[in-house]
Amino acid sequence: MNRTTMGDTRRKTDRGNTHRCVGEPFSDGGLFVYLPFRYNPPRMSVSLFFALYCLEAGLFFIVVPWTRVWSVNPILHATPALLLLSVNPFVRGFISGFGVAHLLIGIKDVMRIAAARNRSGGVT
């Protein structure tokens, strides 16, 4: 049995695309094929993960250049040039400033997500 005798099982989606509806059979050599559900992630998940990444990276870059982890890092002591740069307080300050920028971006994104959630009246 082919698709023309079964009738077309394609449906128009809200975006104008056509796709086979879930659970409707399509005969291919006697085997019915059921298409899986389309994955539709929540809109907040990507934004929320980006905001959390920025907050974490910001805290990391603010704190680590001033700790022992930075001072005894074998990668930074591989060459004399890297050693001189890594112990320079201006370089450490620059990296901490990079962390502050990440932290501010993360805070801004969390506030934007919270405002969007309040506007929509709950979970989005």
PDB file of N, CA and C in Angstrom:
ATOM      1  N   MET A   1       0.848  -1.168   0.000  1.00  0.00           N
ATOM      2  CA  MET A   1       0.000   0.000   0.000  1.00  0.00           C
ATOM      3  C   MET A   1       0.896   1.234   0.000  1.00  0.00           C
ATOM      4  N   ASN A   2       0.648   2.174  -0.865  1.00  0.00           N
ATOM      5  CA  ASN A   2       1.495   3.363  -0.913  1.00  0.00           C
ATOM      6  C   ASN A   2       0.771   4.564  -0.321  1.00  0.00           C
ATOM      7  N   ARG A   3       1.434   5.674  -0.310  1.00  0.00           N
ATOM      8  CA  ARG A   3       0.897   6.861   0.342  1.00  0.00           C
ATOM      9  C   ARG A   3      -0.334   7.395  -0.369  1.00  0.00           C
ATOM     10  N   THR A   4      -0.413   7.223  -1.674  1.00  0.00           N
ATOM     11  CA  THR A   4      -1.557   7.766  -2.399  1.00  0.00           C
ATOM     12  C   THR A   4      -2.823   6.988  -2.085  1.00  0.00           C
ATOM     13  N   THR A   5      -2.718   5.698  -1.829  1.00  0.00           N
ATOM     14  CA  THR A   5      -3.918   4.934  -1.488  1.00  0.00           C
ATOM     15  C   THR A   5      -4.311   5.126  -0.034  1.00  0.00           C
ATOM     16  N   MET A   6      -3.350   5.461   0.820  1.00  0.00           N
ATOM     17  CA  MET A   6      -3.652   5.687   2.234  1.00  0.00           C
ATOM     18  C   MET A   6      -4.177   7.097   2.466  1.00  0.00           C
ATOM     19  N   GLY A   7      -3.938   7.969   1.548  1.00  0.00           N
ATOM     20  CA  GLY A   7      -4.279   9.369   1.760  1.00  0.00           C
ATOM     21  C   GLY A   7      -3.065  10.098   2.306  1.00  0.00           C
ATOM     22  N   ASP A   8      -2.978  11.362   2.020  1.00  0.00           N
ATOM     23  CA  ASP A   8      -1.818  12.128   2.484  1.00  0.00           C
ATOM     24  C   ASP A   8      -1.995  12.445   3.961  1.00  0.00           C
ATOM     25  N   THR A   9      -1.016  12.071   4.756  1.00  0.00           N
ATOM     26  CA  THR A   9      -1.094  12.290   6.197  1.00  0.00           C
ATOM     27  C   THR A   9      -0.318  13.525   6.627  1.00  0.00           C
ATOM     28  N   ARG A  10       0.015  14.360   5.680  1.00  0.00           N
ATOM     29  CA  ARG A  10       0.751  15.570   6.032  1.00  0.00           C
ATOM     30  C   ARG A  10      -0.221  16.637   6.496  1.00  0.00           C
ATOM     31  N   ARG A  11       0.214  17.421   7.487  1.00  0.00           N
ATOM     32  CA  ARG A  11      -0.604  18.490   8.045  1.00  0.00           C
ATOM     33  C   ARG A  11       0.181  19.799   7.997  1.00  0.00           C
ATOM     34  N   LYS A  12      -0.538  20.881   7.913  1.00  0.00           N
ATOM     35  CA  LYS A  12       0.078  22.204   7.898  1.00  0.00           C
ATOM     36  C   LYS A  12       0.259  22.655   9.350  1.00  0.00           C
ATOM     37  N   THR A  13       1.482  23.075   9.699  1.00  0.00           N
ATOM     38  CA  THR A  13       1.749  23.532  11.058  1.00  0.00           C
ATOM     39  C   THR A  13       1.430  25.009  11.166  1.00  0.00           C
ATOM     40  N   ASP A  14       1.500  25.524  12.388  1.00  0.00           N
ATOM     41  CA  ASP A  14       1.223  26.944  12.608  1.00  0.00           C
ATOM     42  C   ASP A  14       2.281  27.837  11.976  1.00  0.00           C
ATOM     43  N   ARG A  15       3.453  27.286  11.671  1.00  0.00           N
ATOM     44  CA  ARG A  15       4.508  28.076  11.022  1.00  0.00           C
ATOM     45  C   ARG A  15       4.441  27.966   9.500  1.00  0.00           C
ATOM     46  N   GLY A  16       3.493  27.203   8.993  1.00  0.00           N
ATOM     47  CA  GLY A  16       3.357  27.068   7.559  1.00  0.00           C
ATOM     48  C   GLY A  16       4.099  25.882   6.983  1.00  0.00           C
ATOM     49  N   ASN A  17       4.878  25.166   7.784  1.00  0.00           N
ATOM     50  CA  ASN A  17       5.603  23.998   7.305  1.00  0.00           C
ATOM     51  C   ASN A  17       4.665  22.798   7.293  1.00  0.00           C
ATOM     52  N   THR A  18       4.946  21.868   6.432  1.00  0.00           N
ATOM     53  CA  THR A  18       4.169  20.635   6.452  1.00  0.00           C
ATOM     54  C   THR A  18       5.040  19.534   7.007  1.00  0.00           C
ATOM     55  N   HIS A  19       4.444  18.700   7.836  1.00  0.00           N
ATOM     56  CA  HIS A  19       5.148  17.543   8.372  1.00  0.00           C
ATOM     57  C   HIS A  19       4.133  16.472   8.680  1.00  0.00           C
ATOM     58  N   ARG A  20       4.596  15.259   8.759  1.00  0.00           N
ATOM     59  CA  ARG A  20       3.722  14.138   9.051  1.00  0.00           C
ATOM     60  C   ARG A  20       3.333  14.196  10.520  1.00  0.00           C
ATOM     61  N   CYS A  21       2.076  13.997  10.797  1.00  0.00           N
ATOM     62  CA  CYS A  21       1.604  14.034  12.178  1.00  0.00           C
ATOM     63  C   CYS A  21       2.130  12.822  12.930  1.00  0.00           C
ATOM     64  N   VAL A  22       2.308  12.990  14.218  1.00  0.00           N
ATOM     65  CA  VAL A  22       2.854  11.940  15.057  1.00  0.00           C
ATOM     66  C   VAL A  22       1.856  10.793  15.130  1.00  0.00           C
ATOM     67  N   GLY A  23       2.360   9.600  14.926  1.00  0.00           N
ATOM     68  CA  GLY A  23       1.537   8.413  15.072  1.00  0.00           C
ATOM     69  C   GLY A  23       0.753   8.024  13.838  1.00  0.00           C
ATOM     70  N   GLU A  24       0.810   8.814  12.776  1.00  0.00           N
ATOM     71  CA  GLU A  24       0.096   8.439  11.570  1.00  0.00           C
ATOM     72  C   GLU A  24       0.999   7.559  10.721  1.00  0.00           C
ATOM     73  N   PRO A  25       0.462   6.484  10.202  1.00  0.00           N
ATOM     74  CA  PRO A  25       1.295   5.507   9.496  1.00  0.00           C
ATOM     75  C   PRO A  25       1.717   5.978   8.119  1.00  0.00           C
ATOM     76  N   PHE A  26       2.859   5.526   7.728  1.00  0.00           N
ATOM     77  CA  PHE A  26       3.361   5.714   6.375  1.00  0.00           C
ATOM     78  C   PHE A  26       3.995   4.401   5.973  1.00  0.00           C
ATOM     79  N   SER A  27       3.454   3.769   4.980  1.00  0.00           N
ATOM     80  CA  SER A  27       3.899   2.432   4.625  1.00  0.00           C
ATOM     81  C   SER A  27       5.147   2.510   3.766  1.00  0.00           C
ATOM     82  N   ASP A  28       6.144   1.780   4.171  1.00  0.00           N
ATOM     83  CA  ASP A  28       7.386   1.704   3.411  1.00  0.00           C
ATOM     84  C   ASP A  28       7.833   0.252   3.427  1.00  0.00           C
ATOM     85  N   GLY A  29       7.430  -0.509   2.440  1.00  0.00           N
ATOM     86  CA  GLY A  29       7.813  -1.912   2.404  1.00  0.00           C
ATOM     87  C   GLY A  29       7.121  -2.739   3.475  1.00  0.00           C
ATOM     88  N   GLY A  30       5.919  -2.367   3.870  1.00  0.00           N
ATOM     89  CA  GLY A  30       5.179  -3.133   4.845  1.00  0.00           C
ATOM     90  C   GLY A  30       5.417  -2.711   6.284  1.00  0.00           C
ATOM     91  N   LEU A  31       6.387  -1.834   6.531  1.00  0.00           N
ATOM     92  CA  LEU A  31       6.661  -1.369   7.893  1.00  0.00           C
ATOM     93  C   LEU A  31       6.075   0.017   8.081  1.00  0.00           C
ATOM     94  N   PHE A  32       5.384   0.201   9.192  1.00  0.00           N
ATOM     95  CA  PHE A  32       4.839   1.513   9.490  1.00  0.00           C
ATOM     96  C   PHE A  32       5.891   2.341  10.212  1.00  0.00           C
ATOM     97  N   VAL A  33       6.010   3.574   9.813  1.00  0.00           N
ATOM     98  CA  VAL A  33       6.982   4.478  10.409  1.00  0.00           C
ATOM     99  C   VAL A  33       6.229   5.522  11.215  1.00  0.00           C
ATOM    100  N   TYR A  34       6.582   5.653  12.472  1.00  0.00           N
ATOM    101  CA  TYR A  34       5.986   6.681  13.312  1.00  0.00           C
ATOM    102  C   TYR A  34       7.060   7.720  13.601  1.00  0.00           C
ATOM    103  N   LEU A  35       6.784   8.949  13.226  1.00  0.00           N
ATOM    104  CA  LEU A  35       7.752  10.004  13.447  1.00  0.00           C
ATOM    105  C   LEU A  35       7.707  10.436  14.904  1.00  0.00           C
ATOM    106  N   PRO A  36       8.858  10.699  15.491  1.00  0.00           N
ATOM    107  CA  PRO A  36       8.883  11.099  16.904  1.00  0.00           C
ATOM    108  C   PRO A  36       8.364  12.518  17.075  1.00  0.00           C
ATOM    109  N   PHE A  37       8.084  12.866  18.322  1.00  0.00           N
ATOM    110  CA  PHE A  37       7.672  14.227  18.625  1.00  0.00           C
ATOM    111  C   PHE A  37       8.808  15.177  18.300  1.00  0.00           C
ATOM    112  N   ARG A  38       8.451  16.367  17.869  1.00  0.00           N
ATOM    113  CA  ARG A  38       9.469  17.386  17.640  1.00  0.00           C
ATOM    114  C   ARG A  38       9.876  17.975  18.980  1.00  0.00           C
ATOM    115  N   TYR A  39      11.165  18.186  19.141  1.00  0.00           N
ATOM    116  CA  TYR A  39      11.667  18.760  20.387  1.00  0.00           C
ATOM    117  C   TYR A  39      11.470  20.259  20.341  1.00  0.00           C
ATOM    118  N   ASN A  40      10.782  20.785  21.308  1.00  0.00           N
ATOM    119  CA  ASN A  40      10.530  22.214  21.389  1.00  0.00           C
ATOM    120  C   ASN A  40      10.973  22.691  22.770  1.00  0.00           C
ATOM    121  N   PRO A  41      12.239  23.133  22.910  1.00  0.00           N
ATOM    122  CA  PRO A  41      12.731  23.518  24.240  1.00  0.00           C
ATOM    123  C   PRO A  41      12.037  24.780  24.740  1.00  0.00           C
ATOM    124  N   PRO A  42      11.909  24.904  26.038  1.00  0.00           N
ATOM    125  CA  PRO A  42      11.337  26.142  26.581  1.00  0.00           C
ATOM    126  C   PRO A  42      12.197  27.337  26.199  1.00  0.00           C
ATOM    127  N   ARG A  43      11.563  28.457  25.994  1.00  0.00           N
ATOM    128  CA  ARG A  43      12.291  29.649  25.547  1.00  0.00           C
ATOM    129  C   ARG A  43      13.267  30.162  26.591  1.00  0.00           C
ATOM    130  N   MET A  44      12.995  29.937  27.841  1.00  0.00           N
ATOM    131  CA  MET A  44      13.841  30.478  28.899  1.00  0.00           C
ATOM    132  C   MET A  44      15.122  29.685  29.106  1.00  0.00           C
ATOM    133  N   SER A  45      15.176  28.441  28.698  1.00  0.00           N
ATOM    134  CA  SER A  45      16.304  27.596  29.078  1.00  0.00           C
ATOM    135  C   SER A  45      17.638  28.119  28.536  1.00  0.00           C
ATOM    136  N   VAL A  46      17.688  28.520  27.277  1.00  0.00           N
ATOM    137  CA  VAL A  46      18.946  28.999  26.706  1.00  0.00           C
ATOM    138  C   VAL A  46      19.364  30.303  27.373  1.00  0.00           C
ATOM    139  N   SER A  47      18.428  31.202  27.554  1.00  0.00           N
ATOM    140  CA  SER A  47      18.741  32.480  28.200  1.00  0.00           C
ATOM    141  C   SER A  47      19.181  32.276  29.646  1.00  0.00           C
ATOM    142  N   LEU A  48      18.499  31.371  30.325  1.00  0.00           N
ATOM    143  CA  LEU A  48      18.841  31.127  31.721  1.00  0.00           C
ATOM    144  C   LEU A  48      20.220  30.495  31.850  1.00  0.00           C
ATOM    145  N   PHE A  49      20.535  29.529  30.987  1.00  0.00           N
ATOM    146  CA  PHE A  49      21.859  28.910  31.042  1.00  0.00           C
ATOM    147  C   PHE A  49      22.952  29.909  30.680  1.00  0.00           C
ATOM    148  N   PHE A  50      22.688  30.801  29.738  1.00  0.00           N
ATOM    149  CA  PHE A  50      23.678  31.819  29.393  1.00  0.00           C
ATOM    150  C   PHE A  50      23.906  32.763  30.576  1.00  0.00           C
ATOM    151  N   ALA A  51      22.819  33.159  31.236  1.00  0.00           N
ATOM    152  CA  ALA A  51      22.946  34.046  32.393  1.00  0.00           C
ATOM    153  C   ALA A  51      23.725  33.367  33.515  1.00  0.00           C
ATOM    154  N   LEU A  52      23.436  32.096  33.766  1.00  0.00           N
ATOM    155  CA  LEU A  52      24.162  31.372  34.807  1.00  0.00           C
ATOM    156  C   LEU A  52      25.632  31.193  34.445  1.00  0.00           C
ATOM    157  N   TYR A  53      25.904  30.946  33.158  1.00  0.00           N
ATOM    158  CA  TYR A  53      27.295  30.856  32.706  1.00  0.00           C
ATOM    159  C   TYR A  53      28.029  32.173  32.965  1.00  0.00           C
ATOM    160  N   CYS A  54      27.390  33.285  32.615  1.00  0.00           N
ATOM    161  CA  CYS A  54      28.038  34.588  32.805  1.00  0.00           C
ATOM    162  C   CYS A  54      28.301  34.867  34.279  1.00  0.00           C
ATOM    163  N   LEU A  55      27.350  34.523  35.140  1.00  0.00           N
ATOM    164  CA  LEU A  55      27.553  34.731  36.573  1.00  0.00           C
ATOM    165  C   LEU A  55      28.713  33.879  37.082  1.00  0.00           C
ATOM    166  N   GLU A  56      28.744  32.615  36.681  1.00  0.00           N
ATOM    167  CA  GLU A  56      29.813  31.721  37.141  1.00  0.00           C
ATOM    168  C   GLU A  56      31.178  32.132  36.596  1.00  0.00           C
ATOM    169  N   ALA A  57      31.235  32.428  35.303  1.00  0.00           N
ATOM    170  CA  ALA A  57      32.501  32.844  34.708  1.00  0.00           C
ATOM    171  C   ALA A  57      32.976  34.166  35.306  1.00  0.00           C
ATOM    172  N   GLY A  58      32.038  35.066  35.571  1.00  0.00           N
ATOM    173  CA  GLY A  58      32.406  36.342  36.182  1.00  0.00           C
ATOM    174  C   GLY A  58      33.032  36.157  37.551  1.00  0.00           C
ATOM    175  N   LEU A  59      32.412  35.346  38.376  1.00  0.00           N
ATOM    176  CA  LEU A  59      32.986  35.084  39.705  1.00  0.00           C
ATOM    177  C   LEU A  59      34.342  34.399  39.590  1.00  0.00           C
ATOM    178  N   PHE A  60      34.462  33.460  38.653  1.00  0.00           N
ATOM    179  CA  PHE A  60      35.731  32.762  38.455  1.00  0.00           C
ATOM    180  C   PHE A  60      36.833  33.741  38.072  1.00  0.00           C
ATOM    181  N   PHE A  61      36.577  34.601  37.082  1.00  0.00           N
ATOM    182  CA  PHE A  61      37.605  35.523  36.607  1.00  0.00           C
ATOM    183  C   PHE A  61      37.919  36.624  37.614  1.00  0.00           C
ATOM    184  N   ILE A  62      36.983  36.937  38.486  1.00  0.00           N
ATOM    185  CA  ILE A  62      37.260  37.942  39.513  1.00  0.00           C
ATOM    186  C   ILE A  62      38.171  37.365  40.595  1.00  0.00           C
ATOM    187  N   VAL A  63      37.917  36.125  40.998  1.00  0.00           N
ATOM    188  CA  VAL A  63      38.605  35.550  42.159  1.00  0.00           C
ATOM    189  C   VAL A  63      39.924  34.876  41.813  1.00  0.00           C
ATOM    190  N   VAL A  64      39.948  34.070  40.773  1.00  0.00           N
ATOM    191  CA  VAL A  64      41.096  33.186  40.515  1.00  0.00           C
ATOM    192  C   VAL A  64      42.425  33.911  40.291  1.00  0.00           C
ATOM    193  N   PRO A  65      42.493  35.046  39.591  1.00  0.00           N
ATOM    194  CA  PRO A  65      43.812  35.670  39.406  1.00  0.00           C
ATOM    195  C   PRO A  65      44.502  36.087  40.707  1.00  0.00           C
ATOM    196  N   TRP A  66      43.774  36.153  41.786  1.00  0.00           N
ATOM    197  CA  TRP A  66      44.355  36.596  43.051  1.00  0.00           C
ATOM    198  C   TRP A  66      44.556  35.449  44.031  1.00  0.00           C
ATOM    199  N   THR A  67      44.418  34.219  43.571  1.00  0.00           N
ATOM    200  CA  THR A  67      44.560  33.064  44.457  1.00  0.00           C
ATOM    201  C   THR A  67      45.846  32.295  44.147  1.00  0.00           C
ATOM    202  N   ARG A  68      46.109  31.296  44.950  1.00  0.00           N
ATOM    203  CA  ARG A  68      47.281  30.440  44.771  1.00  0.00           C
ATOM    204  C   ARG A  68      47.170  29.590  43.503  1.00  0.00           C
ATOM    205  N   VAL A  69      45.957  29.282  43.087  1.00  0.00           N
ATOM    206  CA  VAL A  69      45.751  28.508  41.855  1.00  0.00           C
ATOM    207  C   VAL A  69      46.405  29.215  40.670  1.00  0.00           C
ATOM    208  N   TRP A  70      46.312  30.515  40.641  1.00  0.00           N
ATOM    209  CA  TRP A  70      46.915  31.302  39.571  1.00  0.00           C
ATOM    210  C   TRP A  70      48.440  31.334  39.717  1.00  0.00           C
ATOM    211  N   SER A  71      48.909  31.419  40.928  1.00  0.00           N
ATOM    212  CA  SER A  71      50.347  31.570  41.170  1.00  0.00           C
ATOM    213  C   SER A  71      51.145  30.310  40.867  1.00  0.00           C
ATOM    214  N   VAL A  72      50.567  29.154  41.073  1.00  0.00           N
ATOM    215  CA  VAL A  72      51.316  27.907  40.871  1.00  0.00           C
ATOM    216  C   VAL A  72      50.866  27.156  39.623  1.00  0.00           C
ATOM    217  N   ASN A  73      50.199  27.815  38.720  1.00  0.00           N
ATOM    218  CA  ASN A  73      49.711  27.177  37.500  1.00  0.00           C
ATOM    219  C   ASN A  73      50.891  26.852  36.575  1.00  0.00           C
ATOM    220  N   PRO A  74      51.128  25.568  36.260  1.00  0.00           N
ATOM    221  CA  PRO A  74      52.280  25.214  35.419  1.00  0.00           C
ATOM    222  C   PRO A  74      52.158  25.712  33.979  1.00  0.00           C
ATOM    223  N   ILE A  75      50.956  25.936  33.510  1.00  0.00           N
ATOM    224  CA  ILE A  75      50.791  26.448  32.140  1.00  0.00           C
ATOM    225  C   ILE A  75      51.302  27.882  32.051  1.00  0.00           C
ATOM    226  N   LEU A  76      51.035  28.671  33.086  1.00  0.00           N
ATOM    227  CA  LEU A  76      51.499  30.065  33.088  1.00  0.00           C
ATOM    228  C   LEU A  76      52.988  30.181  33.362  1.00  0.00           C
ATOM    229  N   HIS A  77      53.621  29.126  33.849  1.00  0.00           N
ATOM    230  CA  HIS A  77      55.061  29.143  34.102  1.00  0.00           C
ATOM    231  C   HIS A  77      55.852  28.406  33.034  1.00  0.00           C
ATOM    232  N   ALA A  78      55.217  28.129  31.910  1.00  0.00           N
ATOM    233  CA  ALA A  78      55.881  27.373  30.839  1.00  0.00           C
ATOM    234  C   ALA A  78      57.014  28.178  30.200  1.00  0.00           C
ATOM    235  N   THR A  79      56.818  29.456  30.036  1.00  0.00           N
ATOM    236  CA  THR A  79      57.850  30.303  29.431  1.00  0.00           C
ATOM    237  C   THR A  79      58.070  31.519  30.330  1.00  0.00           C
ATOM    238  N   PRO A  80      59.240  32.135  30.237  1.00  0.00           N
ATOM    239  CA  PRO A  80      59.490  33.333  31.056  1.00  0.00           C
ATOM    240  C   PRO A  80      58.543  34.492  30.730  1.00  0.00           C
ATOM    241  N   ALA A  81      58.142  34.607  29.479  1.00  0.00           N
ATOM    242  CA  ALA A  81      57.240  35.703  29.105  1.00  0.00           C
ATOM    243  C   ALA A  81      55.871  35.534  29.774  1.00  0.00           C
ATOM    244  N   LEU A  82      55.347  34.308  29.753  1.00  0.00           N
ATOM    245  CA  LEU A  82      54.068  34.056  30.415  1.00  0.00           C
ATOM    246  C   LEU A  82      54.179  34.233  31.925  1.00  0.00           C
ATOM    247  N   LEU A  83      55.309  33.852  32.474  1.00  0.00           N
ATOM    248  CA  LEU A  83      55.518  34.015  33.912  1.00  0.00           C
ATOM    249  C   LEU A  83      55.486  35.498  34.300  1.00  0.00           C
ATOM    250  N   LEU A  84      56.176  36.331  33.514  1.00  0.00           N
ATOM    251  CA  LEU A  84      56.180  37.766  33.801  1.00  0.00           C
ATOM    252  C   LEU A  84      54.784  38.378  33.655  1.00  0.00           C
ATOM    253  N   LEU A  85      54.028  37.918  32.646  1.00  0.00           N
ATOM    254  CA  LEU A  85      52.667  38.433  32.472  1.00  0.00           C
ATOM    255  C   LEU A  85      51.735  37.971  33.585  1.00  0.00           C
ATOM    256  N   SER A  86      51.874  36.719  33.987  1.00  0.00           N
ATOM    257  CA  SER A  86      50.926  36.172  34.964  1.00  0.00           C
ATOM    258  C   SER A  86      51.087  36.775  36.352  1.00  0.00           C
ATOM    259  N   VAL A  87      52.280  37.206  36.695  1.00  0.00           N
ATOM    260  CA  VAL A  87      52.481  37.797  38.022  1.00  0.00           C
ATOM    261  C   VAL A  87      52.276  39.315  38.028  1.00  0.00           C
ATOM    262  N   ASN A  88      52.089  39.905  36.866  1.00  0.00           N
ATOM    263  CA  ASN A  88      51.874  41.345  36.764  1.00  0.00           C
ATOM    264  C   ASN A  88      50.485  41.701  37.321  1.00  0.00           C
ATOM    265  N   PRO A  89      50.417  42.598  38.296  1.00  0.00           N
ATOM    266  CA  PRO A  89      49.114  42.943  38.875  1.00  0.00           C
ATOM    267  C   PRO A  89      48.162  43.622  37.891  1.00  0.00           C
ATOM    268  N   PHE A  90      48.697  44.295  36.871  1.00  0.00           N
ATOM    269  CA  PHE A  90      47.826  44.921  35.879  1.00  0.00           C
ATOM    270  C   PHE A  90      47.117  43.867  35.032  1.00  0.00           C
ATOM    271  N   VAL A  91      47.818  42.791  34.707  1.00  0.00           N
ATOM    272  CA  VAL A  91      47.198  41.691  33.956  1.00  0.00           C
ATOM    273  C   VAL A  91      46.141  41.017  34.821  1.00  0.00           C
ATOM    274  N   ARG A  92      46.460  40.803  36.073  1.00  0.00           N
ATOM    275  CA  ARG A  92      45.474  40.209  36.984  1.00  0.00           C
ATOM    276  C   ARG A  92      44.249  41.113  37.112  1.00  0.00           C
ATOM    277  N   GLY A  93      44.467  42.399  37.189  1.00  0.00           N
ATOM    278  CA  GLY A  93      43.355  43.351  37.254  1.00  0.00           C
ATOM    279  C   GLY A  93      42.524  43.356  35.984  1.00  0.00           C
ATOM    280  N   PHE A  94      43.203  43.234  34.840  1.00  0.00           N
ATOM    281  CA  PHE A  94      42.492  43.174  33.564  1.00  0.00           C
ATOM    282  C   PHE A  94      41.576  41.948  33.521  1.00  0.00           C
ATOM    283  N   ILE A  95      42.085  40.817  33.969  1.00  0.00           N
ATOM    284  CA  ILE A  95      41.292  39.588  33.959  1.00  0.00           C
ATOM    285  C   ILE A  95      40.144  39.701  34.964  1.00  0.00           C
ATOM    286  N   SER A  96      40.387  40.337  36.093  1.00  0.00           N
ATOM    287  CA  SER A  96      39.303  40.562  37.049  1.00  0.00           C
ATOM    288  C   SER A  96      38.248  41.514  36.469  1.00  0.00           C
ATOM    289  N   GLY A  97      38.684  42.500  35.721  1.00  0.00           N
ATOM    290  CA  GLY A  97      37.738  43.393  35.042  1.00  0.00           C
ATOM    291  C   GLY A  97      36.904  42.653  34.008  1.00  0.00           C
ATOM    292  N   PHE A  98      37.518  41.715  33.314  1.00  0.00           N
ATOM    293  CA  PHE A  98      36.799  40.849  32.388  1.00  0.00           C
ATOM    294  C   PHE A  98      35.720  40.065  33.144  1.00  0.00           C
ATOM    295  N   GLY A  99      36.058  39.624  34.356  1.00  0.00           N
ATOM    296  CA  GLY A  99      35.088  38.930  35.194  1.00  0.00           C
ATOM    297  C   GLY A  99      33.948  39.833  35.631  1.00  0.00           C
ATOM    298  N   VAL A 100      34.264  41.084  35.940  1.00  0.00           N
ATOM    299  CA  VAL A 100      33.214  42.033  36.321  1.00  0.00           C
ATOM    300  C   VAL A 100      32.251  42.245  35.154  1.00  0.00           C
ATOM    301  N   ALA A 101      32.779  42.341  33.937  1.00  0.00           N
ATOM    302  CA  ALA A 101      31.916  42.489  32.763  1.00  0.00           C
ATOM    303  C   ALA A 101      30.987  41.279  32.621  1.00  0.00           C
ATOM    304  N   HIS A 102      31.530  40.072  32.800  1.00  0.00           N
ATOM    305  CA  HIS A 102      30.691  38.872  32.740  1.00  0.00           C
ATOM    306  C   HIS A 102      29.629  38.901  33.829  1.00  0.00           C
ATOM    307  N   LEU A 103      30.011  39.306  35.017  1.00  0.00           N
ATOM    308  CA  LEU A 103      29.076  39.353  36.130  1.00  0.00           C
ATOM    309  C   LEU A 103      27.939  40.342  35.854  1.00  0.00           C
ATOM    310  N   LEU A 104      28.257  41.498  35.318  1.00  0.00           N
ATOM    311  CA  LEU A 104      27.222  42.490  35.001  1.00  0.00           C
ATOM    312  C   LEU A 104      26.281  41.991  33.908  1.00  0.00           C
ATOM    313  N   ILE A 105      26.830  41.329  32.901  1.00  0.00           N
ATOM    314  CA  ILE A 105      25.990  40.770  31.840  1.00  0.00           C
ATOM    315  C   ILE A 105      25.059  39.699  32.412  1.00  0.00           C
ATOM    316  N   GLY A 106      25.592  38.855  33.287  1.00  0.00           N
ATOM    317  CA  GLY A 106      24.768  37.816  33.902  1.00  0.00           C
ATOM    318  C   GLY A 106      23.655  38.398  34.754  1.00  0.00           C
ATOM    319  N   ILE A 107      23.959  39.424  35.541  1.00  0.00           N
ATOM    320  CA  ILE A 107      22.940  40.065  36.380  1.00  0.00           C
ATOM    321  C   ILE A 107      21.868  40.707  35.510  1.00  0.00           C
ATOM    322  N   LYS A 108      22.293  41.379  34.430  1.00  0.00           N
ATOM    323  CA  LYS A 108      21.332  42.005  33.520  1.00  0.00           C
ATOM    324  C   LYS A 108      20.412  40.964  32.900  1.00  0.00           C
ATOM    325  N   ASP A 109      20.962  39.826  32.495  1.00  0.00           N
ATOM    326  CA  ASP A 109      20.145  38.781  31.888  1.00  0.00           C
ATOM    327  C   ASP A 109      19.183  38.151  32.891  1.00  0.00           C
ATOM    328  N   VAL A 110      19.628  37.947  34.121  1.00  0.00           N
ATOM    329  CA  VAL A 110      18.730  37.395  35.141  1.00  0.00           C
ATOM    330  C   VAL A 110      17.589  38.371  35.408  1.00  0.00           C
ATOM    331  N   MET A 111      17.888  39.653  35.475  1.00  0.00           N
ATOM    332  CA  MET A 111      16.829  40.651  35.687  1.00  0.00           C
ATOM    333  C   MET A 111      15.867  40.687  34.504  1.00  0.00           C
ATOM    334  N   ARG A 112      16.391  40.550  33.283  1.00  0.00           N
ATOM    335  CA  ARG A 112      15.535  40.533  32.092  1.00  0.00           C
ATOM    336  C   ARG A 112      14.630  39.308  32.094  1.00  0.00           C
ATOM    337  N   ILE A 113      15.168  38.156  32.476  1.00  0.00           N
ATOM    338  CA  ILE A 113      14.371  36.930  32.536  1.00  0.00           C
ATOM    339  C   ILE A 113      13.288  37.052  33.603  1.00  0.00           C
ATOM    340  N   ALA A 114      13.635  37.597  34.759  1.00  0.00           N
ATOM    341  CA  ALA A 114      12.652  37.767  35.828  1.00  0.00           C
ATOM    342  C   ALA A 114      11.544  38.742  35.409  1.00  0.00           C
ATOM    343  N   ALA A 115      11.906  39.813  34.721  1.00  0.00           N
ATOM    344  CA  ALA A 115      10.901  40.768  34.268  1.00  0.00           C
ATOM    345  C   ALA A 115       9.982  40.131  33.218  1.00  0.00           C
ATOM    346  N   ALA A 116      10.538  39.353  32.309  1.00  0.00           N
ATOM    347  CA  ALA A 116       9.711  38.675  31.299  1.00  0.00           C
ATOM    348  C   ALA A 116       8.789  37.662  31.942  1.00  0.00           C
ATOM    349  N   ARG A 117       9.279  36.990  32.958  1.00  0.00           N
ATOM    350  CA  ARG A 117       8.442  36.000  33.649  1.00  0.00           C
ATOM    351  C   ARG A 117       7.313  36.684  34.412  1.00  0.00           C
ATOM    352  N   ASN A 118       7.602  37.824  35.041  1.00  0.00           N
ATOM    353  CA  ASN A 118       6.557  38.570  35.745  1.00  0.00           C
ATOM    354  C   ASN A 118       5.513  39.115  34.794  1.00  0.00           C
ATOM    355  N   ARG A 119       5.945  39.578  33.611  1.00  0.00           N
ATOM    356  CA  ARG A 119       5.000  40.091  32.619  1.00  0.00           C
ATOM    357  C   ARG A 119       4.075  39.003  32.118  1.00  0.00           C
ATOM    358  N   SER A 120       4.618  37.799  31.918  1.00  0.00           N
ATOM    359  CA  SER A 120       3.796  36.716  31.371  1.00  0.00           C
ATOM    360  C   SER A 120       2.935  36.057  32.440  1.00  0.00           C
ATOM    361  N   GLY A 121       3.193  36.351  33.690  1.00  0.00           N
ATOM    362  CA  GLY A 121       2.359  35.830  34.755  1.00  0.00           C
ATOM    363  C   GLY A 121       2.740  34.442  35.206  1.00  0.00           C
ATOM    364  N   GLY A 122       3.981  34.058  35.063  1.00  0.00           N
ATOM    365  CA  GLY A 122       4.400  32.735  35.557  1.00  0.00           C
ATOM    366  C   GLY A 122       5.459  32.115  34.691  1.00  0.00           C
ATOM    367  N   VAL A 123       5.376  30.809  34.586  1.00  0.00           N
ATOM    368  CA  VAL A 123       6.388  30.045  33.870  1.00  0.00           C
ATOM    369  C   VAL A 123       6.230  30.240  32.384  1.00  0.00           C
ATOM    370  N   THR A 124       7.363  30.504  31.697  1.00  0.00           N
ATOM    371  CA  THR A 124       7.323  30.627  30.237  1.00  0.00           C
ATOM    372  C   THR A 124       8.145  29.561  29.609  1.00  0.00           C
TER     373      THR A 124
END
